[in-house]
Structure formats: structure tokens, C-alpha cells
Amino acid sequence: MLFPLLQPDLVLGSSVLDLTPEILARYKIEGLVLDVDDTIVPIGVGFAEPELILWIEQTRQIVPLWLVTNNPSQARIGAIADSLSLPYFLSAAKPSRRKLRQAVAAMSREPARVAMVGDRVFTDVLAGNRLGMFTILIEPIVSADTTVAFSLLRRIEFTIAKLLGVSFTTLK
């Protein structure tokens, strides 16, 4: 593979809502860093759906959670984080590792035991791998308003990654 830092450790093949306690236990995950846009809420949406709120409540009983996003909107991201009672970092500039490193340190965990969960290869997966985290690529949660533009960008990104030798085989 030309760029192993682009290879996710796990391709879930579905949304973050299908990241179960059994999967966390199987991979010995002790913490989760979650991207925000299209990972836990559609881009542009300022609230969490009831299903996500329930998933957060159940998952926080098992592992600590942090939100780390490239989005700079304090009002929107802060409102989402506050509604979920989660700590967060904005303007992370992923694939920079700086804010991921801070989130992992705040959890008092080793990076290899914390998963970076996101929907993008060239930001979320690359940033997590650069720090030595376990990386989980999920299918995005998108709204009807952003599906066309997002799917084109995602197809281009996946095509480039596949040309570089990345495999997107999903969890069986």
C-alpha cells in the first residue's frame, strides 16, 4: 500500500449508531473521539436526533467520549455538544493531530486504545492514524439537502484512496 496512514482499522459499513459495545470490546477500545459533521449529525443540522442521544447515553457508560471537529462554529457545535453533555474541540484542522492528542490526554488513555470515529478518509482516518489511534470509518449521516454534493466529494475521495491501495472491506 502506498499510503498506509489512509487505511482505517475498521470499516463499519453503517452509521455510528451501529458501533456496539461488542465491537468496542472486541477491539479493546477504551475511548472514542467522534467527528461531528456527517458522523453524528448531518452537516448544517444543529441538534442530535433521539437515536443518537440514546446511543451516546449507552456508550458513555462504557467509554469516555469527546467530539473533535474541523467545523469552526462555536454556536452550532457548542449547542450539539452541550445537548449531549460532551466535551469538544472546534477548528481541529484534521489531519492535524493536535486536538486529537488533547482529547486522548483528557481521557488518560493510550492513543492505540482510543478510536477516532469519522466518515472521511483524508481527515478523520488520516489524523487518527498519524497519532496511532484505532480508526473507524463509518457511513455518513446526511440530510437530503447535502446528499448530492457530499456523495460526489466522498466518491472522489474513495476513488483516490482506492488507487493508493486502501481497502474498504466492511466488518463481517
C-alpha atoms as a PDB file:
ATOM      1  CA  MET A   1       0.000   0.000   0.000  1.00  0.00           C
ATOM      2  CA  LEU A   2       1.350   3.418  -0.941  1.00  0.00           C
ATOM      3  CA  PHE A   3      -0.221   5.340   1.951  1.00  0.00           C
ATOM      4  CA  PRO A   4      -0.925   3.082   4.954  1.00  0.00           C
ATOM      5  CA  LEU A   5      -1.953   6.111   7.026  1.00  0.00           C
ATOM      6  CA  LEU A   6      -5.140   6.272   4.940  1.00  0.00           C
ATOM      7  CA  GLN A   7      -6.198   2.718   5.842  1.00  0.00           C
ATOM      8  CA  PRO A   8      -8.907   2.574   8.526  1.00  0.00           C
ATOM      9  CA  ASP A   9      -8.513  -0.162  11.137  1.00  0.00           C
ATOM     10  CA  LEU A  10     -12.226  -0.873  10.885  1.00  0.00           C
ATOM     11  CA  VAL A  11     -14.769  -0.032   8.174  1.00  0.00           C
ATOM     12  CA  LEU A  12     -18.136  -0.246   9.876  1.00  0.00           C
ATOM     13  CA  GLY A  13     -20.260  -0.090   6.713  1.00  0.00           C
ATOM     14  CA  SER A  14     -23.078   1.645   8.580  1.00  0.00           C
ATOM     15  CA  SER A  15     -23.634   4.670  10.798  1.00  0.00           C
ATOM     16  CA  VAL A  16     -22.085   5.383  14.182  1.00  0.00           C
ATOM     17  CA  LEU A  17     -25.311   4.088  15.725  1.00  0.00           C
ATOM     18  CA  ASP A  18     -24.155   0.564  14.848  1.00  0.00           C
ATOM     19  CA  LEU A  19     -20.906   0.892  16.802  1.00  0.00           C
ATOM     20  CA  THR A  20     -21.846  -1.538  19.575  1.00  0.00           C
ATOM     21  CA  PRO A  21     -20.365  -2.384  22.967  1.00  0.00           C
ATOM     22  CA  GLU A  22     -19.411  -5.781  21.490  1.00  0.00           C
ATOM     23  CA  ILE A  23     -17.343  -4.109  18.764  1.00  0.00           C
ATOM     24  CA  LEU A  24     -15.650  -1.840  21.316  1.00  0.00           C
ATOM     25  CA  ALA A  25     -14.822  -4.863  23.466  1.00  0.00           C
ATOM     26  CA  ARG A  26     -13.585  -6.927  20.503  1.00  0.00           C
ATOM     27  CA  TYR A  27     -11.043  -4.231  19.591  1.00  0.00           C
ATOM     28  CA  LYS A  28     -10.278  -3.266  23.216  1.00  0.00           C
ATOM     29  CA  ILE A  29     -11.397   0.321  22.670  1.00  0.00           C
ATOM     30  CA  GLU A  30     -11.253   2.400  25.863  1.00  0.00           C
ATOM     31  CA  GLY A  31     -12.374   5.778  24.488  1.00  0.00           C
ATOM     32  CA  LEU A  32     -13.982   7.373  21.438  1.00  0.00           C
ATOM     33  CA  VAL A  33     -13.222  10.614  19.651  1.00  0.00           C
ATOM     34  CA  LEU A  34     -16.144  11.417  17.382  1.00  0.00           C
ATOM     35  CA  ASP A  35     -16.187  13.701  14.371  1.00  0.00           C
ATOM     36  CA  VAL A  36     -19.363  15.797  14.231  1.00  0.00           C
ATOM     37  CA  ASP A  37     -20.459  16.726  10.690  1.00  0.00           C
ATOM     38  CA  ASP A  38     -21.991  13.743   8.902  1.00  0.00           C
ATOM     39  CA  THR A  39     -20.672  11.432  11.634  1.00  0.00           C
ATOM     40  CA  ILE A  40     -23.150  12.166  14.429  1.00  0.00           C
ATOM     41  CA  VAL A  41     -25.369  14.806  12.762  1.00  0.00           C
ATOM     42  CA  PRO A  42     -25.822  15.885   9.152  1.00  0.00           C
ATOM     43  CA  ILE A  43     -23.758  18.924   8.201  1.00  0.00           C
ATOM     44  CA  GLY A  44     -25.722  22.091   8.887  1.00  0.00           C
ATOM     45  CA  VAL A  45     -28.035  20.434  11.424  1.00  0.00           C
ATOM     46  CA  GLY A  46     -27.780  21.917  14.902  1.00  0.00           C
ATOM     47  CA  PHE A  47     -29.336  19.181  17.009  1.00  0.00           C
ATOM     48  CA  ALA A  48     -28.976  15.476  17.734  1.00  0.00           C
ATOM     49  CA  GLU A  49     -31.704  13.013  16.822  1.00  0.00           C
ATOM     50  CA  PRO A  50     -33.221  10.917  19.652  1.00  0.00           C
ATOM     51  CA  GLU A  51     -31.465   7.767  18.360  1.00  0.00           C
ATOM     52  CA  LEU A  52     -28.080   9.461  18.684  1.00  0.00           C
ATOM     53  CA  ILE A  53     -28.878  10.770  22.153  1.00  0.00           C
ATOM     54  CA  LEU A  54     -29.734   7.224  23.256  1.00  0.00           C
ATOM     55  CA  TRP A  55     -26.547   5.829  21.641  1.00  0.00           C
ATOM     56  CA  ILE A  56     -24.427   8.491  23.386  1.00  0.00           C
ATOM     57  CA  GLU A  57     -26.056   7.730  26.755  1.00  0.00           C
ATOM     58  CA  GLN A  58     -25.438   3.996  26.372  1.00  0.00           C
ATOM     59  CA  THR A  59     -21.899   4.339  25.016  1.00  0.00           C
ATOM     60  CA  ARG A  60     -20.729   6.821  27.662  1.00  0.00           C
ATOM     61  CA  GLN A  61     -21.451   4.110  30.254  1.00  0.00           C
ATOM     62  CA  ILE A  62     -18.674   2.047  28.644  1.00  0.00           C
ATOM     63  CA  VAL A  63     -16.069   4.549  27.378  1.00  0.00           C
ATOM     64  CA  PRO A  64     -15.337   8.276  27.612  1.00  0.00           C
ATOM     65  CA  LEU A  65     -16.417  10.334  24.585  1.00  0.00           C
ATOM     66  CA  TRP A  66     -15.075  13.545  23.004  1.00  0.00           C
ATOM     67  CA  LEU A  67     -16.153  15.488  19.943  1.00  0.00           C
ATOM     68  CA  VAL A  68     -13.359  16.785  17.686  1.00  0.00           C
ATOM     69  CA  THR A  69     -14.416  18.644  14.554  1.00  0.00           C
ATOM     70  CA  ASN A  70     -12.869  20.792  11.864  1.00  0.00           C
ATOM     71  CA  ASN A  71     -16.013  22.923  11.987  1.00  0.00           C
ATOM     72  CA  PRO A  72     -15.344  26.382  13.489  1.00  0.00           C
ATOM     73  CA  SER A  73     -18.949  27.203  14.521  1.00  0.00           C
ATOM     74  CA  GLN A  74     -18.943  27.696  18.285  1.00  0.00           C
ATOM     75  CA  ALA A  75     -22.704  28.298  18.296  1.00  0.00           C
ATOM     76  CA  ARG A  76     -23.648  25.142  16.365  1.00  0.00           C
ATOM     77  CA  ILE A  77     -21.038  22.677  17.647  1.00  0.00           C
ATOM     78  CA  GLY A  78     -21.308  24.028  21.195  1.00  0.00           C
ATOM     79  CA  ALA A  79     -25.084  23.538  21.146  1.00  0.00           C
ATOM     80  CA  ILE A  80     -24.738  19.960  19.895  1.00  0.00           C
ATOM     81  CA  ALA A  81     -22.016  19.151  22.442  1.00  0.00           C
ATOM     82  CA  ASP A  82     -23.970  20.770  25.282  1.00  0.00           C
ATOM     83  CA  SER A  83     -27.150  18.870  24.358  1.00  0.00           C
ATOM     84  CA  LEU A  84     -25.140  15.634  24.565  1.00  0.00           C
ATOM     85  CA  SER A  85     -23.131  16.731  27.638  1.00  0.00           C
ATOM     86  CA  LEU A  86     -19.885  16.027  25.776  1.00  0.00           C
ATOM     87  CA  PRO A  87     -16.575  17.880  25.797  1.00  0.00           C
ATOM     88  CA  TYR A  88     -15.425  19.126  22.399  1.00  0.00           C
ATOM     89  CA  PHE A  89     -12.788  20.851  20.307  1.00  0.00           C
ATOM     90  CA  LEU A  90     -13.598  23.041  17.292  1.00  0.00           C
ATOM     91  CA  SER A  91     -11.416  24.010  14.329  1.00  0.00           C
ATOM     92  CA  ALA A  92      -9.278  20.897  14.714  1.00  0.00           C
ATOM     93  CA  ALA A  93      -7.681  21.218  11.255  1.00  0.00           C
ATOM     94  CA  LYS A  94      -7.640  17.428  10.837  1.00  0.00           C
ATOM     95  CA  PRO A  95      -5.483  15.714   9.653  1.00  0.00           C
ATOM     96  CA  SER A  96      -3.595  17.702  12.307  1.00  0.00           C
ATOM     97  CA  ARG A  97      -3.107  15.628  15.460  1.00  0.00           C
ATOM     98  CA  ARG A  98      -3.031  18.487  17.967  1.00  0.00           C
ATOM     99  CA  LYS A  99      -6.649  18.475  19.177  1.00  0.00           C
ATOM    100  CA  LEU A 100      -6.921  14.679  18.940  1.00  0.00           C
ATOM    101  CA  ARG A 101      -3.862  14.426  21.188  1.00  0.00           C
ATOM    102  CA  GLN A 102      -5.526  16.793  23.686  1.00  0.00           C
ATOM    103  CA  ALA A 103      -8.758  14.771  23.705  1.00  0.00           C
ATOM    104  CA  VAL A 104      -6.875  11.484  24.201  1.00  0.00           C
ATOM    105  CA  ALA A 105      -4.815  13.038  27.013  1.00  0.00           C
ATOM    106  CA  ALA A 106      -8.004  14.298  28.697  1.00  0.00           C
ATOM    107  CA  MET A 107      -9.265  10.689  28.696  1.00  0.00           C
ATOM    108  CA  SER A 108      -5.997   9.485  30.283  1.00  0.00           C
ATOM    109  CA  ARG A 109      -5.769   6.707  27.703  1.00  0.00           C
ATOM    110  CA  GLU A 110      -3.097   5.498  25.306  1.00  0.00           C
ATOM    111  CA  PRO A 111      -3.826   6.598  21.717  1.00  0.00           C
ATOM    112  CA  ALA A 112      -3.882   2.979  20.489  1.00  0.00           C
ATOM    113  CA  ARG A 113      -6.804   2.287  22.885  1.00  0.00           C
ATOM    114  CA  VAL A 114      -8.865   5.268  21.689  1.00  0.00           C
ATOM    115  CA  ALA A 115     -10.785   5.149  18.409  1.00  0.00           C
ATOM    116  CA  MET A 116     -11.130   8.086  16.045  1.00  0.00           C
ATOM    117  CA  VAL A 117     -14.582   7.663  14.520  1.00  0.00           C
ATOM    118  CA  GLY A 118     -15.434   9.558  11.372  1.00  0.00           C
ATOM    119  CA  ASP A 119     -16.780   9.492   7.852  1.00  0.00           C
ATOM    120  CA  ARG A 120     -13.756  10.902   5.972  1.00  0.00           C
ATOM    121  CA  VAL A 121     -10.530   9.174   4.962  1.00  0.00           C
ATOM    122  CA  PHE A 122      -8.362  12.240   4.332  1.00  0.00           C
ATOM    123  CA  THR A 123      -9.281  13.973   7.600  1.00  0.00           C
ATOM    124  CA  ASP A 124     -10.575  11.596  10.303  1.00  0.00           C
ATOM    125  CA  VAL A 125      -8.748   8.387   9.375  1.00  0.00           C
ATOM    126  CA  LEU A 126      -5.507  10.132   8.432  1.00  0.00           C
ATOM    127  CA  ALA A 127      -5.453  12.225  11.631  1.00  0.00           C
ATOM    128  CA  GLY A 128      -6.220   9.232  13.858  1.00  0.00           C
ATOM    129  CA  ASN A 129      -3.623   7.036  12.190  1.00  0.00           C
ATOM    130  CA  ARG A 130      -0.999   9.778  12.420  1.00  0.00           C
ATOM    131  CA  LEU A 131      -1.497   9.784  16.207  1.00  0.00           C
ATOM    132  CA  GLY A 132      -1.511   5.971  16.486  1.00  0.00           C
ATOM    133  CA  MET A 133      -5.218   5.750  17.304  1.00  0.00           C
ATOM    134  CA  PHE A 134      -7.544   2.945  16.261  1.00  0.00           C
ATOM    135  CA  THR A 135      -9.507   4.354  13.308  1.00  0.00           C
ATOM    136  CA  ILE A 136     -13.126   3.567  12.454  1.00  0.00           C
ATOM    137  CA  LEU A 137     -14.633   4.696   9.170  1.00  0.00           C
ATOM    138  CA  ILE A 138     -18.410   4.889   9.297  1.00  0.00           C
ATOM    139  CA  GLU A 139     -21.085   5.648   6.735  1.00  0.00           C
ATOM    140  CA  PRO A 140     -22.202   9.263   6.985  1.00  0.00           C
ATOM    141  CA  ILE A 141     -25.440  10.521   8.415  1.00  0.00           C
ATOM    142  CA  VAL A 142     -26.505  13.015   5.740  1.00  0.00           C
ATOM    143  CA  SER A 143     -29.550  15.159   5.080  1.00  0.00           C
ATOM    144  CA  ALA A 144     -31.391  15.344   1.770  1.00  0.00           C
ATOM    145  CA  ASP A 145     -30.046  18.896   1.300  1.00  0.00           C
ATOM    146  CA  THR A 146     -26.391  17.845   1.330  1.00  0.00           C
ATOM    147  CA  THR A 147     -26.504  14.363  -0.177  1.00  0.00           C
ATOM    148  CA  VAL A 148     -25.590  15.282  -3.788  1.00  0.00           C
ATOM    149  CA  ALA A 149     -22.567  17.467  -3.032  1.00  0.00           C
ATOM    150  CA  PHE A 150     -21.373  15.201  -0.255  1.00  0.00           C
ATOM    151  CA  SER A 151     -21.689  11.981  -2.236  1.00  0.00           C
ATOM    152  CA  LEU A 152     -19.648  13.441  -5.112  1.00  0.00           C
ATOM    153  CA  LEU A 153     -16.873  14.523  -2.734  1.00  0.00           C
ATOM    154  CA  ARG A 154     -16.954  11.161  -0.960  1.00  0.00           C
ATOM    155  CA  ARG A 155     -16.793   9.238  -4.267  1.00  0.00           C
ATOM    156  CA  ILE A 156     -13.769  11.257  -5.374  1.00  0.00           C
ATOM    157  CA  GLU A 157     -12.057  10.734  -2.007  1.00  0.00           C
ATOM    158  CA  PHE A 158     -12.732   6.980  -2.031  1.00  0.00           C
ATOM    159  CA  THR A 159     -11.566   6.646  -5.643  1.00  0.00           C
ATOM    160  CA  ILE A 160      -8.262   8.332  -4.831  1.00  0.00           C
ATOM    161  CA  ALA A 161      -7.831   6.266  -1.660  1.00  0.00           C
ATOM    162  CA  LYS A 162      -8.538   3.011  -3.536  1.00  0.00           C
ATOM    163  CA  LEU A 163      -5.966   3.982  -6.191  1.00  0.00           C
ATOM    164  CA  LEU A 164      -3.494   4.378  -3.324  1.00  0.00           C
ATOM    165  CA  GLY A 165      -4.246   0.843  -2.113  1.00  0.00           C
ATOM    166  CA  VAL A 166      -6.775   1.473   0.658  1.00  0.00           C
ATOM    167  CA  SER A 167      -9.290  -1.333   1.272  1.00  0.00           C
ATOM    168  CA  PHE A 168     -12.851  -0.544   2.313  1.00  0.00           C
ATOM    169  CA  THR A 169     -13.930  -4.050   3.216  1.00  0.00           C
ATOM    170  CA  THR A 170     -16.596  -3.778   5.899  1.00  0.00           C
ATOM    171  CA  LEU A 171     -16.885  -5.573   9.214  1.00  0.00           C
ATOM    172  CA  LYS A 172     -18.387  -9.022   8.855  1.00  0.00           C
END
